[in-house]
Protein backbone atom coordinates (compact mmCIF):
# COMPACT_ATOMS: atom_id res chain seq x y z
CA MET A 1 31.67 -16.69 12.93
CA ALA A 2 28.14 -18.12 11.98
CA GLY A 3 25.75 -16.25 9.58
CA THR A 4 24.72 -15.62 6.35
CA HIS A 5 27.67 -15.44 3.79
CA TRP A 6 27.84 -13.92 0.43
CA ILE A 7 30.38 -15.80 -1.34
CA ASP A 8 31.98 -14.40 -4.62
CA ASP A 9 35.05 -16.41 -4.97
CA PRO A 10 35.34 -20.01 -6.12
CA ALA A 11 38.16 -20.41 -3.49
CA GLU A 12 36.15 -19.26 -0.71
CA LEU A 13 33.53 -21.30 -1.74
CA ALA A 14 35.87 -24.45 -1.60
CA ARG A 15 37.00 -23.97 1.37
CA ARG A 16 34.01 -23.62 3.36
CA ILE A 17 32.05 -26.90 1.21
CA ALA A 18 35.04 -29.06 2.67
CA SER A 19 34.10 -28.41 6.10
CA CYS A 20 30.68 -30.20 5.46
CA LYS A 21 29.61 -32.99 6.89
CA GLY A 22 25.75 -34.90 6.70
CA ARG A 23 24.02 -33.15 4.89
CA VAL A 24 23.19 -29.33 3.29
CA GLY A 25 20.14 -27.52 2.81
CA LEU A 26 19.74 -26.05 -0.97
CA ASP A 27 17.92 -23.74 -3.03
CA THR A 28 18.36 -21.96 -6.07
CA GLU A 29 17.33 -18.99 -7.26
CA PHE A 30 17.59 -18.57 -11.71
CA ILE A 31 15.49 -16.59 -14.50
CA ARG A 32 13.65 -18.89 -16.80
CA GLU A 33 11.33 -16.36 -19.04
CA ARG A 34 13.05 -15.84 -22.06
CA THR A 35 15.34 -18.91 -22.44
CA TYR A 36 14.51 -22.84 -22.62
CA TRP A 37 17.68 -23.35 -19.88
CA PRO A 38 17.25 -21.97 -16.46
CA GLN A 39 19.77 -19.11 -15.66
CA LEU A 40 21.21 -20.05 -12.59
CA ALA A 41 21.84 -16.59 -10.43
CA LEU A 42 22.07 -17.95 -7.06
CA VAL A 43 22.54 -20.75 -5.19
CA GLN A 44 21.48 -20.90 -1.04
CA ALA A 45 23.59 -23.20 0.87
CA ALA A 46 22.79 -24.16 4.85
CA THR A 47 25.82 -25.81 6.35
CA GLY A 48 25.02 -26.41 9.82
CA ASP A 49 24.78 -22.69 11.56
CA ASP A 50 25.91 -21.24 8.34
CA ILE A 51 23.91 -20.15 5.20
CA LEU A 52 26.12 -19.09 2.32
CA LEU A 53 24.79 -17.15 -0.74
CA VAL A 54 26.72 -18.15 -3.64
CA ASP A 55 26.92 -15.96 -6.74
CA MET A 56 26.58 -18.47 -9.41
CA LEU A 57 27.44 -15.82 -11.88
CA VAL A 58 31.00 -15.23 -10.71
CA PRO A 59 32.89 -17.45 -13.21
CA GLY A 60 34.42 -20.62 -11.87
CA MET A 61 31.45 -20.81 -9.16
CA PRO A 62 29.71 -23.71 -10.64
CA ALA A 63 33.29 -26.08 -10.69
CA ALA A 64 34.03 -25.12 -7.33
CA LEU A 65 30.17 -25.91 -6.12
CA ALA A 66 30.25 -29.53 -8.41
CA PRO A 67 32.14 -31.69 -5.81
CA LEU A 68 29.77 -30.83 -2.94
CA LEU A 69 26.77 -32.32 -5.37
CA ARG A 70 28.36 -34.81 -6.26
CA ASP A 71 29.40 -35.95 -2.75
CA ALA A 72 26.74 -39.02 -2.02
CA SER A 73 28.17 -38.69 1.94
CA ILE A 74 26.23 -35.52 2.06
CA ALA A 75 22.36 -35.75 2.15
CA LYS A 76 20.98 -32.51 -0.07
CA VAL A 77 17.96 -31.55 1.91
CA MET A 78 15.87 -29.37 -0.58
CA HIS A 79 12.00 -28.58 -0.95
CA SER A 80 10.29 -28.99 -4.39
CA ALA A 81 13.60 -29.37 -6.26
CA SER A 82 12.61 -30.42 -9.79
CA GLU A 83 13.09 -27.37 -11.13
CA ASP A 84 16.21 -26.82 -9.26
CA LEU A 85 17.62 -29.91 -10.54
CA VAL A 86 17.34 -29.16 -13.61
CA ALA A 87 19.14 -25.67 -13.21
CA LEU A 88 21.63 -27.39 -11.06
CA GLN A 89 22.81 -29.65 -13.76
CA TYR A 90 22.75 -27.53 -16.82
CA ALA A 91 25.06 -25.00 -14.75
CA CYS A 92 27.41 -27.66 -12.85
CA GLY A 93 27.32 -30.23 -15.02
CA CYS A 94 25.79 -32.58 -11.90
CA VAL A 95 22.92 -33.04 -9.64
CA PRO A 96 22.64 -33.15 -6.04
CA LYS A 97 22.80 -36.74 -4.86
CA PRO A 98 21.26 -38.21 -2.66
CA LEU A 99 18.35 -35.95 -2.46
CA PHE A 100 15.85 -35.33 0.79
CA ASP A 101 12.60 -33.35 -1.07
CA THR A 102 10.72 -31.99 1.95
CA GLN A 103 7.93 -31.69 -0.57
CA ILE A 104 7.68 -35.12 -1.35
CA ALA A 105 8.15 -36.15 2.10
CA ALA A 106 5.12 -33.93 3.37
CA ALA A 107 2.94 -35.96 1.01
CA LEU A 108 4.04 -39.27 1.81
CA CYS A 109 4.14 -38.25 5.09
CA GLY A 110 -0.11 -37.62 4.67
CA ILE A 111 0.74 -33.79 5.56
CA GLY A 112 -0.33 -32.42 1.86
CA ALA A 113 0.75 -33.01 -1.63
CA GLY A 114 2.33 -30.21 -3.19
CA MET A 115 2.60 -27.96 -0.37
CA GLY A 116 4.75 -24.86 -0.73
CA TYR A 117 7.79 -24.16 1.67
CA GLN A 118 6.08 -20.96 3.14
CA ARG A 119 3.16 -23.27 4.54
CA LEU A 120 5.10 -26.16 5.28
CA VAL A 121 7.39 -24.27 7.34
CA ALA A 122 4.29 -22.79 8.90
CA ASP A 123 2.22 -25.96 9.52
CA MET A 124 5.04 -27.83 11.08
CA LEU A 125 7.49 -25.05 12.65
CA GLY A 126 5.06 -22.05 13.77
CA ILE A 127 7.21 -19.87 12.01
CA ALA A 128 5.73 -17.11 9.08
CA VAL A 129 8.52 -17.05 6.40
CA ASP A 130 8.14 -14.20 3.95
CA LYS A 131 7.73 -14.61 0.45
CA GLY A 132 8.09 -11.11 -1.28
CA GLU A 133 10.49 -11.66 -3.88
CA THR A 134 9.26 -14.54 -5.20
CA ARG A 135 9.63 -12.77 -8.53
CA SER A 136 12.64 -10.94 -8.37
CA ASP A 137 15.65 -10.23 -10.85
CA TRP A 138 17.81 -12.54 -9.23
CA LEU A 139 20.36 -11.72 -11.92
CA ARG A 140 21.17 -8.23 -11.07
CA ARG A 141 23.96 -7.38 -8.84
CA PRO A 142 23.98 -6.34 -6.13
CA LEU A 143 20.75 -8.21 -5.24
CA SER A 144 19.01 -5.76 -2.64
CA ALA A 145 19.03 -6.79 1.23
CA GLN A 146 15.44 -7.64 1.04
CA GLN A 147 16.64 -10.28 -1.76
CA LEU A 148 18.85 -11.70 0.57
CA ASP A 149 17.03 -12.14 3.37
CA TYR A 150 14.35 -14.01 1.15
CA ALA A 151 16.87 -16.03 -0.33
CA ALA A 152 18.66 -16.97 3.50
CA ASP A 153 15.10 -17.88 4.88
CA ASP A 154 14.36 -20.16 1.61
CA VAL A 155 16.77 -22.89 3.19
CA ARG A 156 17.23 -21.49 7.00
CA HIS A 157 14.48 -24.35 8.31
CA LEU A 158 15.38 -26.74 5.82
CA PHE A 159 17.21 -28.86 8.74
CA ALA A 160 14.33 -28.45 10.94
CA LEU A 161 11.83 -29.97 8.82
CA HIS A 162 14.43 -32.82 7.43
CA ASP A 163 14.49 -33.80 11.01
CA ARG A 164 10.28 -34.01 11.46
CA LEU A 165 9.56 -35.40 8.54
CA ASP A 166 12.48 -38.07 8.39
CA ALA A 167 11.09 -39.25 12.06
CA ARG A 168 7.61 -39.42 10.70
CA LEU A 169 8.40 -41.22 7.16
CA ALA A 170 10.65 -43.90 9.83
CA SER A 171 7.54 -44.31 12.15
CA LEU A 172 5.63 -45.22 8.75
CA ASP A 173 7.93 -47.34 7.41
CA ARG A 174 7.92 -45.25 4.02
CA GLY A 175 11.48 -43.92 4.38
CA GLU A 176 12.02 -46.22 1.01
CA TRP A 177 9.13 -44.71 -0.67
CA LEU A 178 10.87 -41.23 -0.86
CA ARG A 179 14.64 -42.14 -1.65
CA GLU A 180 12.61 -43.87 -4.29
CA ASP A 181 10.97 -40.91 -5.54
CA CYS A 182 13.59 -38.70 -4.71
CA ALA A 183 15.99 -41.03 -6.90
CA ARG A 184 14.06 -41.05 -10.21
CA MET A 185 13.26 -36.67 -10.11
CA VAL A 186 17.40 -36.88 -10.05
CA ASP A 187 17.79 -39.67 -12.59
CA ALA A 188 15.46 -37.63 -14.74
CA ALA A 189 17.03 -34.56 -14.69
CA ASP A 190 20.72 -35.64 -15.21
CA SER A 191 19.78 -37.68 -17.72
CA GLY A 192 17.88 -34.89 -19.78
CA GLY A 193 14.23 -35.70 -18.74
CA GLU A 194 13.18 -35.74 -22.29
CA ASP A 195 9.81 -36.83 -22.92
CA PRO A 196 9.55 -39.92 -25.84
CA TRP A 197 5.71 -39.35 -26.23
CA PRO A 198 5.10 -35.67 -25.95
CA HIS A 199 2.16 -35.36 -27.82
CA LEU A 200 0.71 -37.83 -25.01
CA ALA A 201 0.26 -34.26 -22.64
CA LEU A 202 -1.39 -32.88 -25.19
CA ARG A 203 -5.28 -32.94 -24.46
CA ALA A 204 -6.08 -32.13 -28.36
CA ALA A 205 -3.81 -35.16 -29.71
CA GLN A 206 -6.75 -37.16 -28.01
CA PHE A 207 -9.13 -35.97 -31.33
CA LEU A 208 -6.79 -36.22 -34.02
CA ASP A 209 -6.39 -39.83 -35.67
CA ALA A 210 -3.32 -41.61 -35.55
CA ASP A 211 -1.67 -40.47 -39.18
CA ALA A 212 -1.71 -36.75 -37.13
CA GLN A 213 -0.87 -37.97 -34.01
CA ARG A 214 2.56 -39.16 -35.55
CA ARG A 215 2.71 -36.09 -37.54
CA LEU A 216 2.44 -33.85 -34.10
CA LEU A 217 4.85 -36.45 -32.51
CA ARG A 218 7.29 -35.81 -35.20
CA LEU A 219 6.96 -31.50 -34.60
CA LEU A 220 6.90 -31.63 -31.11
CA ARG A 221 10.22 -33.86 -31.05
CA TRP A 222 11.57 -31.47 -33.64
CA ARG A 223 10.47 -28.11 -31.07
CA GLU A 224 12.30 -29.77 -28.21
CA THR A 225 15.58 -30.32 -29.99
CA GLN A 226 15.32 -26.88 -31.46
CA ALA A 227 14.89 -25.49 -28.25
CA ARG A 228 17.19 -27.36 -26.68
CA ASP A 229 19.63 -26.08 -29.32
CA SER A 230 19.00 -22.59 -29.40
CA ASP A 231 17.88 -21.80 -25.47
CA ARG A 232 14.31 -20.66 -26.77
CA PRO A 233 11.08 -21.52 -25.14
CA ARG A 234 9.15 -24.16 -26.76
CA ASN A 235 6.47 -21.83 -27.72
CA TRP A 236 8.87 -19.30 -29.29
CA ILE A 237 9.70 -22.08 -31.91
CA LEU A 238 6.56 -23.36 -32.27
CA ASP A 239 3.29 -22.71 -30.45
CA GLY A 240 1.08 -26.16 -29.60
CA GLU A 241 -1.96 -25.37 -31.27
CA LEU A 242 -0.25 -24.19 -34.62
CA ALA A 243 1.74 -27.79 -34.31
CA VAL A 244 -1.73 -29.12 -33.93
CA LEU A 245 -3.41 -27.54 -36.40
CA LEU A 246 -0.56 -28.24 -39.10
CA ALA A 247 -0.55 -31.95 -38.05
CA LYS A 248 -4.19 -32.44 -38.41
CA ASN A 249 -4.56 -30.42 -42.02
CA PRO A 250 -1.15 -30.54 -43.03
CA PRO A 251 0.07 -28.65 -45.83
CA GLY A 252 0.72 -30.31 -49.38
CA ASP A 253 4.33 -29.04 -49.52
CA ALA A 254 6.98 -27.04 -48.31
CA THR A 255 5.63 -23.91 -50.59
CA ALA A 256 2.30 -24.45 -48.79
CA LEU A 257 3.55 -24.54 -45.31
CA ARG A 258 4.95 -21.26 -45.98
CA ARG A 259 1.94 -19.89 -47.39
CA SER A 260 -0.54 -20.94 -44.33
CA LEU A 261 2.05 -19.63 -41.97
CA GLU A 262 2.70 -16.30 -43.56
CA SER A 263 -1.22 -16.09 -42.61
CA ARG A 264 -0.66 -16.57 -39.45
CA PRO A 265 0.39 -13.44 -37.10
CA LYS A 266 3.86 -14.07 -35.11
CA SER A 267 4.32 -17.17 -36.45
CA PRO A 268 7.76 -19.05 -37.02
CA LEU A 269 8.16 -17.86 -40.97
CA ARG A 270 12.20 -17.98 -40.92
CA LEU A 271 11.64 -22.04 -39.69
CA SER A 272 9.00 -23.20 -42.73
CA ASN A 273 11.87 -25.23 -44.17
CA ALA A 274 13.10 -27.12 -40.67
CA ILE A 275 9.17 -27.39 -39.93
CA TRP A 276 8.57 -29.04 -43.21
CA ASN A 277 11.52 -31.31 -43.13
CA ALA A 278 10.04 -32.29 -39.76
CA LEU A 279 6.43 -32.90 -40.35
CA SER A 280 7.03 -34.75 -43.46
CA THR A 281 9.83 -36.93 -42.28
CA PRO A 282 8.80 -40.11 -40.58
CA LEU A 283 10.41 -41.45 -36.82
CA ALA A 284 12.71 -44.54 -36.57
CA ASP A 285 10.31 -45.62 -33.18
CA GLU A 286 7.12 -43.85 -34.68
CA ALA A 287 5.30 -46.95 -35.31
CA ALA A 288 5.77 -48.08 -31.68
CA MET A 289 3.72 -44.71 -30.46
CA PRO A 290 1.12 -44.93 -28.25
CA LEU A 291 -2.18 -43.32 -29.02
CA ALA A 292 -4.08 -40.38 -27.02
CA ARG A 293 -7.32 -41.79 -26.55
CA ASP A 294 -10.62 -40.31 -26.10
CA ASP A 295 -13.11 -42.96 -26.66
CA GLU A 296 -15.92 -44.00 -24.01
CA GLY A 297 -14.78 -47.01 -23.23
CA ASP A 298 -11.49 -45.55 -22.40
CA ARG A 299 -13.18 -42.92 -20.21
CA LYS A 300 -15.08 -45.50 -18.22
CA THR A 301 -11.62 -47.49 -17.68
CA LEU A 302 -10.19 -44.56 -16.56
CA ARG A 303 -13.13 -43.55 -14.10
CA ARG A 304 -12.61 -46.77 -12.57
CA LEU A 305 -8.40 -46.55 -12.21
CA GLN A 306 -9.26 -43.19 -10.54
CA ASP A 307 -12.05 -44.89 -8.16
CA ALA A 308 -9.16 -47.73 -6.82
CA VAL A 309 -6.79 -45.12 -6.79
CA ALA A 310 -8.69 -42.91 -4.71
CA GLU A 311 -9.72 -45.97 -2.39
CA ARG A 312 -6.24 -46.90 -1.63
CA SER A 313 -5.15 -43.59 -0.87
CA ARG A 314 -7.61 -43.04 1.67
CA GLU A 315 -6.60 -46.63 2.86
CA LEU A 316 -2.62 -45.41 3.09
CA ALA A 317 -3.99 -41.62 4.12
CA LEU A 318 -2.06 -40.01 1.48
CA PRO A 319 -3.51 -36.82 -0.12
CA ASP A 320 -5.12 -37.01 -3.53
CA GLY A 321 -2.91 -37.34 -6.39
CA VAL A 322 0.14 -38.41 -4.76
CA LEU A 323 -0.30 -42.47 -5.20
CA ALA A 324 -1.29 -41.72 -8.87
CA SER A 325 -2.32 -38.61 -10.85
CA ARG A 326 -4.52 -38.95 -13.69
CA ARG A 327 -2.00 -38.24 -16.35
CA TRP A 328 -0.01 -41.15 -15.02
CA LEU A 329 -3.02 -43.70 -15.19
CA GLN A 330 -3.79 -42.13 -18.71
CA ALA A 331 -0.21 -43.57 -19.44
CA LEU A 332 -0.67 -46.91 -18.08
CA LEU A 333 -4.22 -47.18 -19.53
CA GLU A 334 -2.27 -45.95 -23.22
CA GLN A 335 0.95 -47.51 -23.22
CA LYS A 336 -1.08 -50.58 -21.91
CA GLN A 337 2.42 -50.97 -19.22
CA TRP A 338 3.46 -49.75 -16.15
CA PRO A 339 5.14 -46.36 -17.18
CA PRO A 340 8.11 -45.03 -14.81
CA MET A 341 6.57 -42.62 -12.38
CA LEU A 342 4.52 -46.02 -11.31
CA ALA A 343 7.10 -48.20 -10.84
CA GLY A 344 8.88 -49.01 -7.43
CA TRP A 345 6.46 -48.81 -4.33
CA ARG A 346 3.27 -47.41 -6.23
CA ARG A 347 3.10 -50.27 -8.69
CA GLY A 348 3.49 -52.41 -4.97
CA GLN A 349 0.76 -50.52 -3.78
CA LEU A 350 -1.71 -50.14 -6.88
CA GLU A 351 -1.33 -53.34 -9.09
CA PRO A 352 -3.25 -55.93 -7.13
CA VAL A 353 -6.47 -53.41 -7.54
CA LEU A 354 -5.46 -52.02 -10.74
CA ALA A 355 -4.36 -55.44 -12.61
CA PRO A 356 -7.86 -56.55 -12.71
CA LEU A 357 -9.28 -53.35 -14.37
CA LEU A 358 -6.45 -53.25 -16.76
CA ALA A 359 -7.09 -56.63 -17.59
CA GLY A 360 -10.72 -55.75 -18.33
CA ASP A 361 -9.58 -53.24 -20.69
CA ALA A 362 -7.34 -55.24 -22.76
CA ALA A 363 -9.86 -57.41 -23.80
CA LYS A 364 -11.40 -54.62 -25.64
CA PRO A 365 -10.90 -54.43 -28.97
CA ALA A 366 -8.16 -51.47 -29.85
CA THR A 367 -9.27 -48.54 -32.39
CA ALA A 368 -6.26 -46.64 -34.60
């Protein structure tokens, strides 16, 4: 019987997904407030006329769901899927492939960048979707009727969005653009997506000298490993502000570090020895570390890059930030090579207009 079905038996899930053909709409509900890894509570799957609300707290359910995620003959239609992919990879050991992300598709169609599901459904389909349960406790059981309705609505309209967006992408000859962007996001989730140069994401790093940036890189890489292994949020391990302070003004030895931590409320005193080891131990690849820079020449070049991207975006009728974000352009400028997020179709669109600007910047003497 068509409708919405609560699934709390792995065998029942396996039976239902065995008949899935062509495409499936997916969404997840998870909690990530006190952990590094998402705690996957619920998966919603639209399969033709049926919506399955899959209780992921039931033992054996992740293994029962995995074959559907891996089935390359079935398109996975999702909206703003990046965090959902991480939750599914951690719970099920795999990510959904191939992916059609309706948020990315809307951006590439020129409809809007970063549009939420509720607004996209309203704008494209003229349907109002209730978002009243956004901050619900999805780990509780039983879920309320309001939670179940909200969860079902999150996949109810994905096929209609897929139909319209796929047709528009085809008319613009941008289907390959979407496939590239979705494949890149899926690959990042599948591989763990660890940033090799996390210091570049901290604005404060621009004001540190080269030695301090190397110390900051050591601390941030150690923090990432510690957070993953202990399943705790990064800032519970080591606050970013404290990491910058230690990198800028490193203590002379482990004892001095401990005294410094003792003077700061809520500092990770129990991890002082591990922090000292991370701070004082060079990384094998830190000599290749790109420096975060903040001189006037860099700012002028970045502005020229942004202006060129804005002009090309207008020509393509793309929303601001879709073709290249400020952070991506900073990475391009700092690393002196095209970063992965600017590969493929983006590089094809941007290299002709950015290459002359980058060549001019490369002629300037580098500073450490």
